[in-house]
C-alpha cells in the first residue's frame, strides 16, 4: 500500500501517528442510536386516550376550514391498538379530497391519506402568530 502520507513530516508525533480509522466515530453512532431508542421507548410508553366521537357535520366543517384557510388540524382515528388505547394523532394541513379519502400533509411526516369514515375526533390547532410573540 505504500508508506504513510505523513512519513516525511519532521515532527515525530505526527510522523508516527497511527489513525484508528472509523473506530473513532463509533461514539457518535452510539449516542445517536441510543437517542433514537429512547425516543421510540417514550413513544411506546405514551398512552393516547380516546376522545369523544364527533358528528360527521362537525368533522366536515373543520376539514373544510383547514382546507380553505390552510390551518393545522389534529385528527384522531377510530382505530385502537391491541391494549385498547388510541394511536397517536395525525397532525397536518388538509391538502385535498378524492372520493372517500382526505389528504393531509405535514413537513416532517409528509403526505398521508385518511378515509373520511375513520375519523373519530378532529380539532383545529391554534398557532401563535409571530407578531404576537413579543
N, C-alpha and C. Protein backbone atom coordinates (compact mmCIF):
# COMPACT_ATOMS: atom_id res chain seq x y z
N UNK A 1 0.83 -1.19 0.00
CA UNK A 1 0.00 0.00 0.00
C UNK A 1 0.86 1.25 0.00
N UNK A 2 2.08 1.11 0.44
CA UNK A 2 2.96 2.26 0.42
C UNK A 2 3.13 2.86 1.80
N UNK A 3 3.97 3.86 1.87
CA UNK A 3 4.23 4.47 3.16
C UNK A 3 3.16 5.51 3.50
N UNK A 4 3.07 5.86 4.77
CA UNK A 4 2.09 6.82 5.25
C UNK A 4 2.30 8.17 4.58
N UNK A 5 1.21 8.89 4.37
CA UNK A 5 1.33 10.20 3.72
C UNK A 5 2.01 11.22 4.61
N UNK A 6 2.13 10.96 5.91
CA UNK A 6 2.80 11.89 6.82
C UNK A 6 4.19 11.42 7.21
N UNK A 7 4.71 10.41 6.54
CA UNK A 7 6.01 9.85 6.93
C UNK A 7 7.16 10.84 6.72
N UNK A 8 6.97 11.84 5.92
CA UNK A 8 8.01 12.84 5.65
C UNK A 8 8.00 13.99 6.65
N UNK A 9 6.99 14.06 7.52
CA UNK A 9 6.84 15.20 8.44
C UNK A 9 7.98 15.21 9.44
N UNK A 10 8.54 16.43 9.77
CA UNK A 10 9.67 16.49 10.70
C UNK A 10 9.29 16.17 12.15
N UNK A 11 8.05 16.40 12.56
CA UNK A 11 7.64 16.15 13.94
C UNK A 11 7.38 14.65 14.13
N UNK A 12 8.07 14.00 15.07
CA UNK A 12 7.89 12.55 15.25
C UNK A 12 6.49 12.17 15.75
N UNK A 13 5.81 13.06 16.50
CA UNK A 13 4.47 12.74 16.97
C UNK A 13 3.49 12.64 15.80
N UNK A 14 3.62 13.51 14.84
CA UNK A 14 2.76 13.47 13.66
C UNK A 14 3.20 12.35 12.72
N UNK A 15 4.49 12.19 12.57
CA UNK A 15 5.02 11.19 11.65
C UNK A 15 4.65 9.77 12.10
N UNK A 16 4.64 9.52 13.41
CA UNK A 16 4.38 8.17 13.93
C UNK A 16 2.92 7.96 14.33
N UNK A 17 2.04 8.94 14.10
CA UNK A 17 0.62 8.81 14.49
C UNK A 17 -0.05 7.71 13.67
N UNK A 18 -0.75 6.84 14.36
CA UNK A 18 -1.47 5.77 13.68
C UNK A 18 -2.98 6.04 13.81
N UNK A 19 -3.60 6.32 12.71
CA UNK A 19 -5.03 6.64 12.69
C UNK A 19 -5.85 5.39 12.99
N UNK A 20 -6.86 5.55 13.85
CA UNK A 20 -7.71 4.41 14.22
C UNK A 20 -8.83 4.18 13.21
N UNK A 21 -8.90 4.99 12.17
CA UNK A 21 -9.92 4.79 11.14
C UNK A 21 -11.31 5.12 11.67
N UNK A 22 -12.27 4.28 11.33
CA UNK A 22 -13.67 4.53 11.70
C UNK A 22 -13.94 4.28 13.18
N UNK A 23 -13.02 3.66 13.91
CA UNK A 23 -13.23 3.38 15.33
C UNK A 23 -13.47 4.65 16.12
N UNK A 24 -12.85 5.74 15.72
CA UNK A 24 -13.01 6.99 16.46
C UNK A 24 -14.41 7.58 16.31
N UNK A 25 -15.20 7.14 15.31
CA UNK A 25 -16.55 7.67 15.11
C UNK A 25 -17.62 6.83 15.80
N UNK A 26 -17.27 5.71 16.38
CA UNK A 26 -18.26 4.82 16.98
C UNK A 26 -19.05 5.49 18.10
N UNK A 27 -18.44 6.40 18.82
CA UNK A 27 -19.16 7.11 19.88
C UNK A 27 -20.31 7.93 19.33
N UNK A 28 -20.14 8.52 18.16
CA UNK A 28 -21.22 9.30 17.56
C UNK A 28 -22.37 8.41 17.16
N UNK A 29 -22.05 7.28 16.56
CA UNK A 29 -23.11 6.36 16.17
C UNK A 29 -23.86 5.86 17.39
N UNK A 30 -23.15 5.55 18.44
CA UNK A 30 -23.76 5.02 19.64
C UNK A 30 -24.70 6.04 20.28
N UNK A 31 -24.28 7.29 20.39
CA UNK A 31 -25.15 8.28 21.03
C UNK A 31 -26.39 8.55 20.19
N UNK A 32 -26.24 8.59 18.86
CA UNK A 32 -27.41 8.78 18.01
C UNK A 32 -28.36 7.60 18.13
N UNK A 33 -27.80 6.41 18.17
CA UNK A 33 -28.62 5.21 18.25
C UNK A 33 -29.37 5.16 19.58
N UNK A 34 -28.69 5.45 20.68
CA UNK A 34 -29.37 5.42 21.97
C UNK A 34 -30.42 6.52 22.07
N UNK A 35 -30.20 7.67 21.48
CA UNK A 35 -31.21 8.73 21.49
C UNK A 35 -32.45 8.28 20.71
N UNK A 36 -32.25 7.60 19.61
CA UNK A 36 -33.38 7.11 18.81
C UNK A 36 -34.15 6.03 19.58
N UNK A 37 -33.43 5.16 20.26
CA UNK A 37 -34.08 4.12 21.05
C UNK A 37 -34.90 4.73 22.18
N UNK A 38 -34.35 5.74 22.84
CA UNK A 38 -35.08 6.41 23.93
C UNK A 38 -36.35 7.09 23.41
N UNK A 39 -36.28 7.70 22.23
CA UNK A 39 -37.46 8.36 21.66
C UNK A 39 -38.54 7.33 21.32
N UNK A 40 -38.14 6.20 20.76
CA UNK A 40 -39.10 5.14 20.45
C UNK A 40 -39.71 4.56 21.72
N UNK A 41 -38.90 4.40 22.75
CA UNK A 41 -39.39 3.87 24.02
C UNK A 41 -40.41 4.82 24.65
N UNK A 42 -40.13 6.11 24.58
CA UNK A 42 -41.05 7.11 25.13
C UNK A 42 -42.35 7.11 24.35
N UNK A 43 -42.27 6.97 23.02
CA UNK A 43 -43.48 6.96 22.21
C UNK A 43 -44.34 5.74 22.51
N UNK A 44 -43.68 4.58 22.71
CA UNK A 44 -44.43 3.36 23.03
C UNK A 44 -45.08 3.45 24.40
N UNK A 45 -44.44 4.17 25.33
CA UNK A 45 -44.96 4.28 26.69
C UNK A 45 -46.10 5.29 26.80
N UNK A 46 -46.27 6.15 25.80
CA UNK A 46 -47.31 7.16 25.84
C UNK A 46 -48.66 6.52 25.57
N UNK A 47 -49.62 6.81 26.42
CA UNK A 47 -50.98 6.29 26.26
C UNK A 47 -51.86 7.39 25.68
N UNK A 48 -52.47 7.12 24.55
CA UNK A 48 -53.37 8.07 23.91
C UNK A 48 -54.80 7.64 24.21
N UNK A 49 -55.51 8.47 24.95
CA UNK A 49 -56.88 8.14 25.32
C UNK A 49 -57.84 8.55 24.21
N UNK A 50 -58.92 7.81 24.10
CA UNK A 50 -59.91 8.06 23.06
C UNK A 50 -60.70 9.32 23.40
N UNK A 51 -60.81 10.19 22.41
CA UNK A 51 -61.56 11.44 22.57
C UNK A 51 -63.02 11.19 22.22
N UNK A 52 -63.92 12.09 22.59
CA UNK A 52 -65.35 11.87 22.28
C UNK A 52 -65.60 11.86 20.77
N UNK A 53 -66.51 11.00 20.35
CA UNK A 53 -66.88 10.88 18.93
C UNK A 53 -67.58 12.15 18.48
N UNK A 54 -67.19 12.66 17.31
CA UNK A 54 -67.80 13.87 16.76
C UNK A 54 -68.77 13.47 15.65
N UNK A 55 -69.71 14.36 15.39
CA UNK A 55 -70.67 14.13 14.32
C UNK A 55 -69.99 14.36 12.97
N UNK A 56 -70.55 13.76 11.93
CA UNK A 56 -69.99 13.91 10.59
C UNK A 56 -70.03 15.36 10.12
N UNK A 57 -71.05 16.11 10.52
CA UNK A 57 -71.17 17.51 10.11
C UNK A 57 -70.06 18.36 10.71
N UNK A 58 -69.78 18.16 12.00
CA UNK A 58 -68.73 18.97 12.63
C UNK A 58 -67.35 18.57 12.10
N UNK A 59 -67.15 17.29 11.79
CA UNK A 59 -65.88 16.85 11.20
C UNK A 59 -65.70 17.49 9.83
N UNK A 60 -66.76 17.47 9.01
CA UNK A 60 -66.68 18.06 7.67
C UNK A 60 -66.43 19.56 7.73
N UNK A 61 -67.01 20.23 8.72
CA UNK A 61 -66.82 21.68 8.87
C UNK A 61 -65.35 22.01 9.17
N UNK A 62 -64.74 21.26 10.07
CA UNK A 62 -63.34 21.52 10.43
C UNK A 62 -62.41 21.14 9.28
N UNK A 63 -62.71 20.05 8.57
CA UNK A 63 -61.90 19.68 7.41
C UNK A 63 -61.94 20.78 6.35
N UNK A 64 -63.13 21.33 6.10
CA UNK A 64 -63.26 22.40 5.12
C UNK A 64 -62.51 23.65 5.55
N UNK A 65 -62.54 23.94 6.86
CA UNK A 65 -61.82 25.11 7.37
C UNK A 65 -60.31 24.94 7.17
N UNK A 66 -59.80 23.75 7.46
CA UNK A 66 -58.37 23.50 7.28
C UNK A 66 -57.99 23.59 5.81
N UNK A 67 -58.85 23.09 4.94
CA UNK A 67 -58.56 23.10 3.51
C UNK A 67 -58.57 24.52 2.95
N UNK A 68 -59.53 25.32 3.36
CA UNK A 68 -59.68 26.66 2.78
C UNK A 68 -58.74 27.70 3.40
N UNK A 69 -58.42 27.56 4.69
CA UNK A 69 -57.59 28.57 5.36
C UNK A 69 -56.17 28.09 5.65
N UNK A 70 -55.86 26.83 5.29
CA UNK A 70 -54.52 26.26 5.48
C UNK A 70 -54.06 26.28 6.94
N UNK A 71 -54.94 25.89 7.84
CA UNK A 71 -54.57 25.78 9.26
C UNK A 71 -54.35 24.31 9.60
N UNK A 72 -53.51 24.05 10.58
CA UNK A 72 -53.21 22.69 11.01
C UNK A 72 -54.37 22.12 11.82
N UNK A 73 -54.60 20.83 11.63
CA UNK A 73 -55.60 20.11 12.41
C UNK A 73 -54.95 18.90 13.06
N UNK A 74 -55.59 18.43 14.11
CA UNK A 74 -55.16 17.23 14.82
C UNK A 74 -56.28 16.22 14.69
N UNK A 75 -55.99 15.07 14.09
CA UNK A 75 -57.02 14.08 13.78
C UNK A 75 -56.75 12.80 14.56
N UNK A 76 -57.79 12.33 15.26
CA UNK A 76 -57.71 11.03 15.93
C UNK A 76 -58.59 10.05 15.15
N UNK A 77 -58.03 8.90 14.85
CA UNK A 77 -58.75 7.88 14.09
C UNK A 77 -59.56 6.98 15.01
N UNK A 78 -60.51 6.24 14.42
CA UNK A 78 -61.35 5.30 15.17
C UNK A 78 -60.58 4.09 15.67
N UNK A 79 -59.45 3.78 15.05
CA UNK A 79 -58.71 2.56 15.36
C UNK A 79 -58.12 2.59 16.77
N UNK A 80 -58.08 1.41 17.39
CA UNK A 80 -57.48 1.25 18.71
C UNK A 80 -56.35 0.24 18.61
N UNK A 81 -55.34 0.41 19.45
CA UNK A 81 -54.25 -0.56 19.47
C UNK A 81 -54.69 -1.80 20.25
N UNK A 82 -53.89 -2.86 20.29
CA UNK A 82 -54.29 -4.10 20.98
C UNK A 82 -54.59 -3.91 22.47
N UNK A 83 -54.01 -2.88 23.09
CA UNK A 83 -54.29 -2.65 24.52
C UNK A 83 -55.56 -1.84 24.74
N UNK A 84 -56.21 -1.39 23.67
CA UNK A 84 -57.46 -0.64 23.79
C UNK A 84 -57.29 0.86 23.82
N UNK A 85 -56.09 1.36 23.56
CA UNK A 85 -55.86 2.80 23.52
C UNK A 85 -55.79 3.27 22.08
N UNK A 86 -55.98 4.56 21.88
CA UNK A 86 -55.93 5.15 20.55
C UNK A 86 -54.47 5.28 20.10
N UNK A 87 -54.29 5.41 18.81
CA UNK A 87 -52.96 5.68 18.26
C UNK A 87 -52.68 7.19 18.34
N UNK A 88 -51.45 7.57 18.09
CA UNK A 88 -51.07 8.99 18.12
C UNK A 88 -51.88 9.75 17.07
N UNK A 89 -52.19 11.00 17.37
CA UNK A 89 -52.96 11.83 16.45
C UNK A 89 -52.16 12.17 15.21
N UNK A 90 -52.87 12.36 14.12
CA UNK A 90 -52.26 12.80 12.87
C UNK A 90 -52.38 14.31 12.82
N UNK A 91 -51.27 14.99 12.62
CA UNK A 91 -51.26 16.45 12.58
C UNK A 91 -50.85 16.89 11.18
N UNK A 92 -51.56 17.89 10.66
CA UNK A 92 -51.19 18.41 9.35
C UNK A 92 -52.25 19.33 8.79
N UNK A 93 -52.07 19.71 7.54
CA UNK A 93 -52.99 20.59 6.82
C UNK A 93 -53.72 19.74 5.80
N UNK A 94 -55.02 19.93 5.68
CA UNK A 94 -55.79 19.21 4.68
C UNK A 94 -55.44 19.78 3.31
N UNK A 95 -54.90 18.92 2.45
CA UNK A 95 -54.47 19.33 1.11
C UNK A 95 -55.54 19.11 0.06
N UNK A 96 -56.44 18.16 0.29
CA UNK A 96 -57.47 17.91 -0.71
C UNK A 96 -58.29 16.68 -0.38
N UNK A 97 -59.26 16.42 -1.24
CA UNK A 97 -60.18 15.32 -1.07
C UNK A 97 -60.29 14.56 -2.39
N UNK A 98 -60.49 13.26 -2.31
CA UNK A 98 -60.79 12.48 -3.50
C UNK A 98 -61.64 11.29 -3.06
N UNK A 99 -62.84 11.21 -3.58
CA UNK A 99 -63.80 10.17 -3.22
C UNK A 99 -63.97 10.14 -1.70
N UNK A 100 -63.52 9.08 -1.05
CA UNK A 100 -63.66 8.97 0.41
C UNK A 100 -62.34 9.20 1.13
N UNK A 101 -61.33 9.70 0.43
CA UNK A 101 -60.01 9.93 1.03
C UNK A 101 -59.76 11.42 1.27
N UNK A 102 -59.06 11.68 2.36
CA UNK A 102 -58.64 13.04 2.70
C UNK A 102 -57.11 13.02 2.73
N UNK A 103 -56.49 13.99 2.08
CA UNK A 103 -55.03 14.08 2.03
C UNK A 103 -54.56 15.13 3.02
N UNK A 104 -53.70 14.70 3.94
CA UNK A 104 -53.18 15.57 5.00
C UNK A 104 -51.67 15.60 4.88
N UNK A 105 -51.08 16.81 4.90
CA UNK A 105 -49.62 16.91 4.79
C UNK A 105 -49.03 17.62 5.99
N UNK A 106 -47.80 17.24 6.28
CA UNK A 106 -47.03 17.85 7.37
C UNK A 106 -45.57 17.85 6.91
N UNK A 107 -44.80 18.89 7.28
CA UNK A 107 -43.40 18.95 6.81
C UNK A 107 -42.55 17.75 7.24
N UNK A 108 -42.80 17.17 8.40
CA UNK A 108 -41.94 16.07 8.86
C UNK A 108 -42.49 14.70 8.48
N UNK A 109 -43.79 14.51 8.47
CA UNK A 109 -44.36 13.19 8.18
C UNK A 109 -44.73 13.02 6.72
N UNK A 110 -44.77 14.10 5.96
CA UNK A 110 -45.11 14.00 4.54
C UNK A 110 -46.61 13.95 4.32
N UNK A 111 -47.00 13.40 3.18
CA UNK A 111 -48.41 13.33 2.79
C UNK A 111 -49.00 12.01 3.24
N UNK A 112 -50.14 12.09 3.93
CA UNK A 112 -50.84 10.90 4.39
C UNK A 112 -52.27 10.96 3.87
N UNK A 113 -52.88 9.79 3.67
CA UNK A 113 -54.28 9.81 3.29
C UNK A 113 -55.08 9.08 4.35
N UNK A 114 -56.29 9.60 4.59
CA UNK A 114 -57.16 9.10 5.64
C UNK A 114 -58.54 8.87 5.02
N UNK A 115 -59.17 7.79 5.36
CA UNK A 115 -60.56 7.56 4.95
C UNK A 115 -61.47 8.46 5.77
N UNK A 116 -62.43 9.10 5.12
CA UNK A 116 -63.28 10.06 5.83
C UNK A 116 -64.14 9.42 6.91
N UNK A 117 -64.48 8.14 6.78
CA UNK A 117 -65.30 7.49 7.81
C UNK A 117 -64.46 6.93 8.96
N UNK A 118 -63.14 7.11 8.93
CA UNK A 118 -62.29 6.59 10.00
C UNK A 118 -61.90 7.66 11.02
N UNK A 119 -62.45 8.85 10.90
CA UNK A 119 -62.11 9.94 11.83
C UNK A 119 -63.03 9.88 13.04
N UNK A 120 -62.43 9.84 14.22
CA UNK A 120 -63.18 9.85 15.47
C UNK A 120 -63.34 11.28 16.00
N UNK A 121 -62.24 12.03 15.97
CA UNK A 121 -62.23 13.38 16.54
C UNK A 121 -61.25 14.23 15.75
N UNK A 122 -61.57 15.50 15.59
CA UNK A 122 -60.69 16.43 14.89
C UNK A 122 -60.80 17.79 15.56
N UNK A 123 -59.69 18.49 15.61
CA UNK A 123 -59.72 19.86 16.15
C UNK A 123 -58.67 20.70 15.43
N UNK A 124 -58.94 22.00 15.40
CA UNK A 124 -58.01 22.95 14.78
C UNK A 124 -56.93 23.28 15.79
N UNK A 125 -55.68 23.23 15.35
CA UNK A 125 -54.56 23.63 16.21
C UNK A 125 -54.33 25.12 16.03
N UNK A 126 -54.43 25.83 17.09
CA UNK A 126 -54.22 27.28 17.04
C UNK A 126 -52.76 27.57 17.25
N UNK A 127 -52.15 28.16 16.26
CA UNK A 127 -50.75 28.52 16.37
C UNK A 127 -50.62 30.01 16.69
N UNK A 128 -49.59 30.34 17.41
CA UNK A 128 -49.33 31.73 17.76
C UNK A 128 -48.68 32.43 16.59
N UNK A 129 -49.22 33.59 16.24
CA UNK A 129 -48.63 34.36 15.16
C UNK A 129 -47.31 34.97 15.63
N UNK A 130 -46.36 35.09 14.71
CA UNK A 130 -45.06 35.60 15.08
C UNK A 130 -45.17 37.03 15.62
N UNK A 131 -46.16 37.81 15.16
CA UNK A 131 -46.30 39.20 15.62
C UNK A 131 -46.82 39.28 17.06
N UNK A 132 -47.40 38.18 17.56
CA UNK A 132 -47.91 38.17 18.95
C UNK A 132 -46.90 37.65 19.94
N UNK A 133 -45.70 37.30 19.52
CA UNK A 133 -44.70 36.71 20.40
C UNK A 133 -43.98 37.71 21.29
N UNK A 134 -44.07 38.99 21.02
CA UNK A 134 -43.30 39.97 21.80
C UNK A 134 -43.82 40.19 23.18
